[in-house]
Amino acid sequence: MKFGAHVSIAGGIENAPLRARELGCECFQMFTRSPRGGRPPELDEGLLEAFFRNCSEVAISDYYVHTPYFINLASGKEDLRKKSVDLVREELERSSALGVKYMMTHIGSAKEMERDVAISNVVDSLSMVLRGYSGETQLLLENTAGQGHTIGVSFEEISLILERMAHGGLGVCIDTAHMFASGYDIRTSEGVKELVECINTVFAPGTVRLVHANDSKAGFNSHKDRHEHPGQGEIGIDCFRSMIENPFFENLDMIVEMPPPEVAKDVEFLKRLRDAG
């Protein structure tokens, strides 16, 4: 179990490992492009060499990529869904070139559609994304807080997508703030035990690959996505302590998605909880 943060790629992707070191990270997460859109920076040989050199210099071998937020693999508009498919595939190829272990994506929103139709769209979209893909980076689906008719509000919904995929190899990234806001009460050690039981019931072993360790400004079952520093929000310290102590999470890295420089204190906080055990 390693702890890290989402870091900026301002000035070049090659700077991400150096920023991770400044924040005390043991692993890190990044974008490979602006999350708001536009053309991505070219991953030329010089950039890749600098990135790998910096990863080696800071002794970080595990790092992850998050896709842009505007992706909607469930969209009923074919042109928008195709753009999302193309972007996720492009990001997978870019992540693979960077040696990224896992790349997570938000699934999208049903909006005005029936939910079963939206889920069918997601399955079709993911099948297109993965068709012919031979890279090393594994694609993870992230659970959501349930705001705005988003897909992935429950583990059962994500599992349904995975089960309907002819292509295997997809995994899951769980976000604590999203879980709490969508109705998983993880404020106590008993709540964390129930969470693990739920995961083991719904998903095949090894499906969950990564944790976004965020507290929540929003209340329980609020369906609002509002991150807070771990231990300082509505979820509280007991959740994070219990997760770190639970054997299920022993080999899962945890990423905090809060702004720098304060996120360095979050990474240190999680390290202290781990070391105290």
Protein backbone atom coordinates (compact mmCIF):
# COMPACT_ATOMS: atom_id res chain seq x y z
CA MET A 1 0.00 0.00 0.00
CA LYS A 2 1.43 3.30 -1.16
CA PHE A 3 0.04 6.81 -0.86
CA GLY A 4 0.13 9.65 -3.36
CA ALA A 5 -1.71 12.58 -4.89
CA HIS A 6 -2.99 13.85 -8.20
CA VAL A 7 -0.20 16.12 -9.49
CA SER A 8 -0.07 18.86 -12.11
CA ILE A 9 1.60 18.44 -15.51
CA ALA A 10 2.05 22.21 -15.96
CA GLY A 11 5.21 22.88 -17.92
CA GLY A 12 5.34 19.32 -19.24
CA ILE A 13 4.32 15.79 -18.29
CA GLU A 14 7.95 15.09 -17.39
CA ASN A 15 7.54 17.39 -14.38
CA ALA A 16 4.87 15.23 -12.73
CA PRO A 17 7.31 12.87 -10.94
CA LEU A 18 9.26 15.83 -9.54
CA ARG A 19 6.07 17.39 -8.18
CA ALA A 20 5.12 14.05 -6.67
CA ARG A 21 8.41 13.98 -4.78
CA GLU A 22 7.84 17.52 -3.49
CA LEU A 23 4.50 16.36 -2.05
CA GLY A 24 5.98 13.28 -0.38
CA CYS A 25 4.21 10.85 -2.72
CA GLU A 26 5.06 7.16 -3.00
CA CYS A 27 2.92 6.95 -6.16
CA PHE A 28 1.02 9.58 -8.13
CA GLN A 29 -1.82 10.31 -10.53
CA MET A 30 -1.90 12.81 -13.40
CA PHE A 31 -3.63 13.86 -16.59
CA THR A 32 -1.75 13.51 -19.87
CA ARG A 33 -3.62 16.51 -21.33
CA SER A 34 -5.81 19.37 -20.21
CA PRO A 35 -8.97 17.96 -18.57
CA ARG A 36 -10.92 20.74 -20.27
CA GLY A 37 -10.08 19.63 -23.81
CA GLY A 38 -7.82 20.72 -26.63
CA ARG A 39 -4.95 18.97 -28.34
CA PRO A 40 -2.73 16.88 -26.06
CA PRO A 41 1.02 17.42 -25.84
CA GLU A 42 2.95 15.13 -28.16
CA LEU A 43 4.69 12.25 -26.41
CA ASP A 44 7.92 12.49 -28.36
CA GLU A 45 11.09 10.59 -27.57
CA GLY A 46 12.63 13.46 -25.64
CA LEU A 47 9.61 13.88 -23.38
CA LEU A 48 9.37 10.16 -22.68
CA GLU A 49 13.07 9.94 -21.86
CA ALA A 50 12.77 12.90 -19.47
CA PHE A 51 9.67 11.43 -17.82
CA PHE A 52 11.24 8.02 -17.25
CA ARG A 53 14.47 9.62 -16.04
CA ASN A 54 12.58 11.70 -13.49
CA CYS A 55 10.55 8.70 -12.32
CA SER A 56 13.82 6.86 -11.75
CA GLU A 57 15.34 9.86 -9.97
CA VAL A 58 12.46 10.08 -7.48
CA ALA A 59 12.22 6.27 -7.18
CA ILE A 60 8.51 6.10 -8.07
CA SER A 61 7.49 3.19 -10.26
CA ASP A 62 3.69 3.21 -9.85
CA TYR A 63 1.74 6.08 -11.39
CA TYR A 64 -1.72 6.47 -12.81
CA VAL A 65 -3.68 8.55 -15.32
CA HIS A 66 -7.16 10.04 -15.06
CA THR A 67 -9.06 10.74 -18.28
CA PRO A 68 -10.64 14.18 -18.88
CA TYR A 69 -13.89 14.73 -17.01
CA PHE A 70 -16.08 15.55 -20.02
CA ILE A 71 -16.12 11.96 -21.33
CA ASN A 72 -19.57 10.40 -21.71
CA LEU A 73 -19.49 6.79 -22.84
CA ALA A 74 -23.26 6.56 -22.26
CA SER A 75 -24.28 9.45 -24.50
CA GLY A 76 -27.28 8.99 -26.76
CA LYS A 77 -25.70 11.33 -29.30
CA GLU A 78 -23.56 9.17 -31.56
CA ASP A 79 -21.11 11.93 -32.47
CA LEU A 80 -20.45 12.80 -28.82
CA ARG A 81 -20.13 9.16 -27.83
CA LYS A 82 -17.67 8.51 -30.66
CA LYS A 83 -15.55 11.44 -29.49
CA SER A 84 -15.51 9.94 -26.00
CA VAL A 85 -14.57 6.51 -27.35
CA ASP A 86 -11.76 7.95 -29.46
CA LEU A 87 -10.47 10.03 -26.56
CA VAL A 88 -10.43 7.13 -24.07
CA ARG A 89 -8.63 4.93 -26.59
CA GLU A 90 -6.11 7.69 -27.33
CA GLU A 91 -5.52 8.16 -23.60
CA LEU A 92 -5.00 4.41 -23.17
CA GLU A 93 -2.36 4.42 -25.90
CA ARG A 94 -0.68 7.49 -24.40
CA SER A 95 -0.75 5.96 -20.94
CA SER A 96 0.79 2.77 -22.26
CA ALA A 97 3.61 4.75 -23.89
CA LEU A 98 4.24 6.40 -20.51
CA GLY A 99 4.38 3.07 -18.70
CA VAL A 100 1.23 3.81 -16.71
CA LYS A 101 -0.15 0.93 -14.65
CA TYR A 102 -3.82 1.94 -14.48
CA MET A 103 -5.94 4.59 -16.19
CA MET A 104 -9.32 5.41 -14.68
CA THR A 105 -12.29 7.07 -16.32
CA HIS A 106 -15.67 8.37 -15.27
CA ILE A 107 -18.27 6.44 -17.21
CA GLY A 108 -20.74 9.15 -18.20
CA SER A 109 -24.34 10.19 -17.71
CA ALA A 110 -27.67 8.70 -18.76
CA LYS A 111 -29.25 12.18 -18.92
CA GLU A 112 -32.66 11.82 -20.61
CA MET A 113 -32.25 8.12 -21.51
CA GLU A 114 -33.60 5.04 -19.80
CA ARG A 115 -30.85 3.65 -17.61
CA ASP A 116 -30.69 0.24 -19.32
CA VAL A 117 -30.23 1.98 -22.69
CA ALA A 118 -27.43 4.11 -21.26
CA ILE A 119 -25.70 1.04 -19.83
CA SER A 120 -25.95 -0.70 -23.22
CA ASN A 121 -24.31 2.36 -24.76
CA VAL A 122 -21.51 2.14 -22.19
CA VAL A 123 -20.90 -1.53 -22.97
CA ASP A 124 -20.78 -0.79 -26.71
CA SER A 125 -18.47 2.18 -26.13
CA LEU A 126 -16.04 0.23 -23.97
CA SER A 127 -16.00 -2.61 -26.49
CA MET A 128 -14.98 -0.11 -29.18
CA VAL A 129 -12.34 1.42 -26.90
CA LEU A 130 -10.70 -1.94 -26.23
CA ARG A 131 -11.04 -3.46 -29.72
CA GLY A 132 -7.51 -4.26 -30.91
CA TYR A 133 -5.90 -2.66 -27.86
CA SER A 134 -2.67 -4.44 -26.88
CA GLY A 135 -1.08 -1.95 -24.50
CA GLU A 136 0.02 -2.60 -20.93
CA THR A 137 -2.16 0.01 -19.19
CA GLN A 138 -5.35 -1.38 -17.63
CA LEU A 139 -8.57 0.64 -17.89
CA LEU A 140 -10.46 1.18 -14.62
CA LEU A 141 -14.05 2.37 -14.23
CA GLU A 142 -14.62 4.80 -11.35
CA ASN A 143 -17.72 4.84 -9.17
CA THR A 144 -19.64 8.10 -8.97
CA ALA A 145 -21.50 10.14 -6.36
CA GLY A 146 -24.68 9.84 -8.42
CA GLN A 147 -25.08 13.49 -9.36
CA GLY A 148 -26.72 14.35 -12.67
CA HIS A 149 -27.87 10.83 -13.62
CA THR A 150 -24.28 9.56 -13.78
CA ILE A 151 -23.62 5.88 -14.45
CA GLY A 152 -21.66 3.92 -11.85
CA VAL A 153 -23.44 5.13 -8.72
CA SER A 154 -23.48 1.58 -7.29
CA PHE A 155 -21.05 -1.33 -7.45
CA GLU A 156 -23.87 -3.46 -8.85
CA GLU A 157 -24.25 -1.09 -11.80
CA ILE A 158 -20.52 -1.20 -12.55
CA SER A 159 -20.54 -4.99 -12.17
CA LEU A 160 -23.37 -5.22 -14.69
CA ILE A 161 -21.22 -3.37 -17.22
CA LEU A 162 -18.24 -5.63 -16.55
CA GLU A 163 -20.35 -8.77 -16.86
CA ARG A 164 -21.72 -7.70 -20.23
CA MET A 165 -18.29 -6.98 -21.65
CA ALA A 166 -16.98 -9.67 -24.00
CA HIS A 167 -13.51 -8.20 -23.50
CA GLY A 168 -12.06 -8.95 -20.08
CA GLY A 169 -9.36 -7.04 -18.26
CA LEU A 170 -11.33 -4.04 -17.04
CA GLY A 171 -10.91 -3.07 -13.40
CA VAL A 172 -12.45 -0.66 -10.90
CA CYS A 173 -11.21 2.42 -9.04
CA ILE A 174 -13.23 3.21 -5.90
CA ASP A 175 -13.53 6.77 -4.61
CA THR A 176 -14.40 7.08 -0.91
CA ALA A 177 -16.10 10.48 -1.30
CA HIS A 178 -18.22 9.14 -4.15
CA MET A 179 -19.12 5.99 -2.20
CA PHE A 180 -20.22 8.00 0.83
CA ALA A 181 -22.27 10.45 -1.24
CA SER A 182 -23.97 7.59 -3.11
CA GLY A 183 -25.11 5.76 0.03
CA TYR A 184 -22.24 3.61 1.32
CA ASP A 185 -21.84 4.48 5.01
CA ILE A 186 -18.10 4.02 5.59
CA ARG A 187 -17.72 6.28 8.62
CA THR A 188 -16.93 3.44 11.03
CA SER A 189 -14.78 0.31 11.09
CA GLU A 190 -17.98 -1.74 10.86
CA GLY A 191 -19.00 0.27 7.81
CA VAL A 192 -15.65 -0.45 6.16
CA LYS A 193 -16.06 -4.18 6.91
CA GLU A 194 -19.49 -4.08 5.28
CA LEU A 195 -17.96 -2.27 2.31
CA VAL A 196 -15.38 -5.01 1.84
CA GLU A 197 -18.08 -7.68 2.11
CA CYS A 198 -20.09 -5.85 -0.55
CA ILE A 199 -17.09 -5.57 -2.87
CA ASN A 200 -16.28 -9.26 -2.45
CA THR A 201 -19.90 -10.18 -3.16
CA VAL A 202 -20.37 -7.99 -6.22
CA PHE A 203 -16.97 -8.14 -7.94
CA ALA A 204 -14.65 -10.96 -8.90
CA PRO A 205 -11.41 -11.13 -6.88
CA GLY A 206 -8.85 -8.57 -8.03
CA THR A 207 -11.35 -6.30 -9.78
CA VAL A 208 -10.74 -3.31 -7.51
CA ARG A 209 -7.28 -1.98 -8.34
CA LEU A 210 -6.99 1.53 -6.89
CA VAL A 211 -8.51 3.80 -4.24
CA HIS A 212 -9.19 7.54 -4.39
CA ALA A 213 -8.88 8.43 -0.70
CA ASN A 214 -11.00 11.56 -0.44
CA ASP A 215 -13.16 12.79 2.40
CA SER A 216 -16.46 14.52 1.60
CA LYS A 217 -17.75 18.03 2.19
CA ALA A 218 -21.22 16.73 1.31
CA GLY A 219 -23.37 14.65 3.61
CA PHE A 220 -24.17 10.95 3.51
CA ASN A 221 -26.25 9.86 0.49
CA SER A 222 -26.30 13.47 -0.77
CA HIS A 223 -25.30 12.52 -4.34
CA LYS A 224 -22.96 15.51 -4.36
CA ASP A 225 -19.31 15.21 -5.45
CA ARG A 226 -17.45 17.51 -3.04
CA HIS A 227 -13.97 16.37 -2.00
CA GLU A 228 -12.40 17.22 1.35
CA HIS A 229 -9.04 16.46 2.96
CA PRO A 230 -8.98 12.90 4.41
CA GLY A 231 -10.19 12.89 8.00
CA GLN A 232 -11.52 16.46 7.85
CA GLY A 233 -14.92 15.97 6.27
CA GLU A 234 -18.20 14.16 6.80
CA ILE A 235 -16.56 10.73 6.50
CA GLY A 236 -13.93 11.18 9.19
CA ILE A 237 -10.69 9.57 10.34
CA ASP A 238 -12.06 6.16 11.36
CA CYS A 239 -12.84 5.26 7.75
CA PHE A 240 -9.30 5.83 6.51
CA ARG A 241 -7.73 4.16 9.54
CA SER A 242 -10.00 1.13 9.10
CA MET A 243 -9.28 0.87 5.39
CA ILE A 244 -5.55 0.97 5.97
CA GLU A 245 -5.83 -1.72 8.65
CA ASN A 246 -8.12 -3.97 6.58
CA PRO A 247 -6.23 -6.74 4.70
CA PHE A 248 -8.39 -6.17 1.60
CA PHE A 249 -6.63 -2.85 0.94
CA GLU A 250 -3.12 -4.09 1.76
CA ASN A 251 -1.93 -4.06 -1.86
CA LEU A 252 -4.06 -1.18 -3.16
CA ASP A 253 -2.49 2.24 -3.61
CA MET A 254 -4.42 5.29 -2.40
CA ILE A 255 -4.51 8.62 -4.24
CA VAL A 256 -5.72 11.88 -2.66
CA GLU A 257 -7.38 14.32 -5.07
CA MET A 258 -6.95 17.65 -3.27
CA PRO A 259 -5.03 20.77 -4.35
CA PRO A 260 -1.34 21.34 -3.61
CA PRO A 261 0.46 22.26 -1.49
CA GLU A 262 -2.01 21.21 1.24
CA VAL A 263 -2.33 17.71 -0.25
CA ALA A 264 1.20 16.99 1.01
CA LYS A 265 -0.26 17.02 4.53
CA ASP A 266 -2.92 14.54 3.39
CA VAL A 267 -0.29 12.13 2.08
CA GLU A 268 1.65 12.46 5.33
CA PHE A 269 -1.55 11.91 7.32
CA LEU A 270 -2.22 8.61 5.55
CA LYS A 271 1.38 7.52 6.02
CA ARG A 272 1.10 8.15 9.76
CA LEU A 273 -2.05 6.04 9.96
CA ARG A 274 -0.26 3.22 8.15
CA ASP A 275 2.89 3.45 10.23
CA ALA A 276 0.90 3.56 13.48
CA GLY A 277 -0.48 0.13 12.68
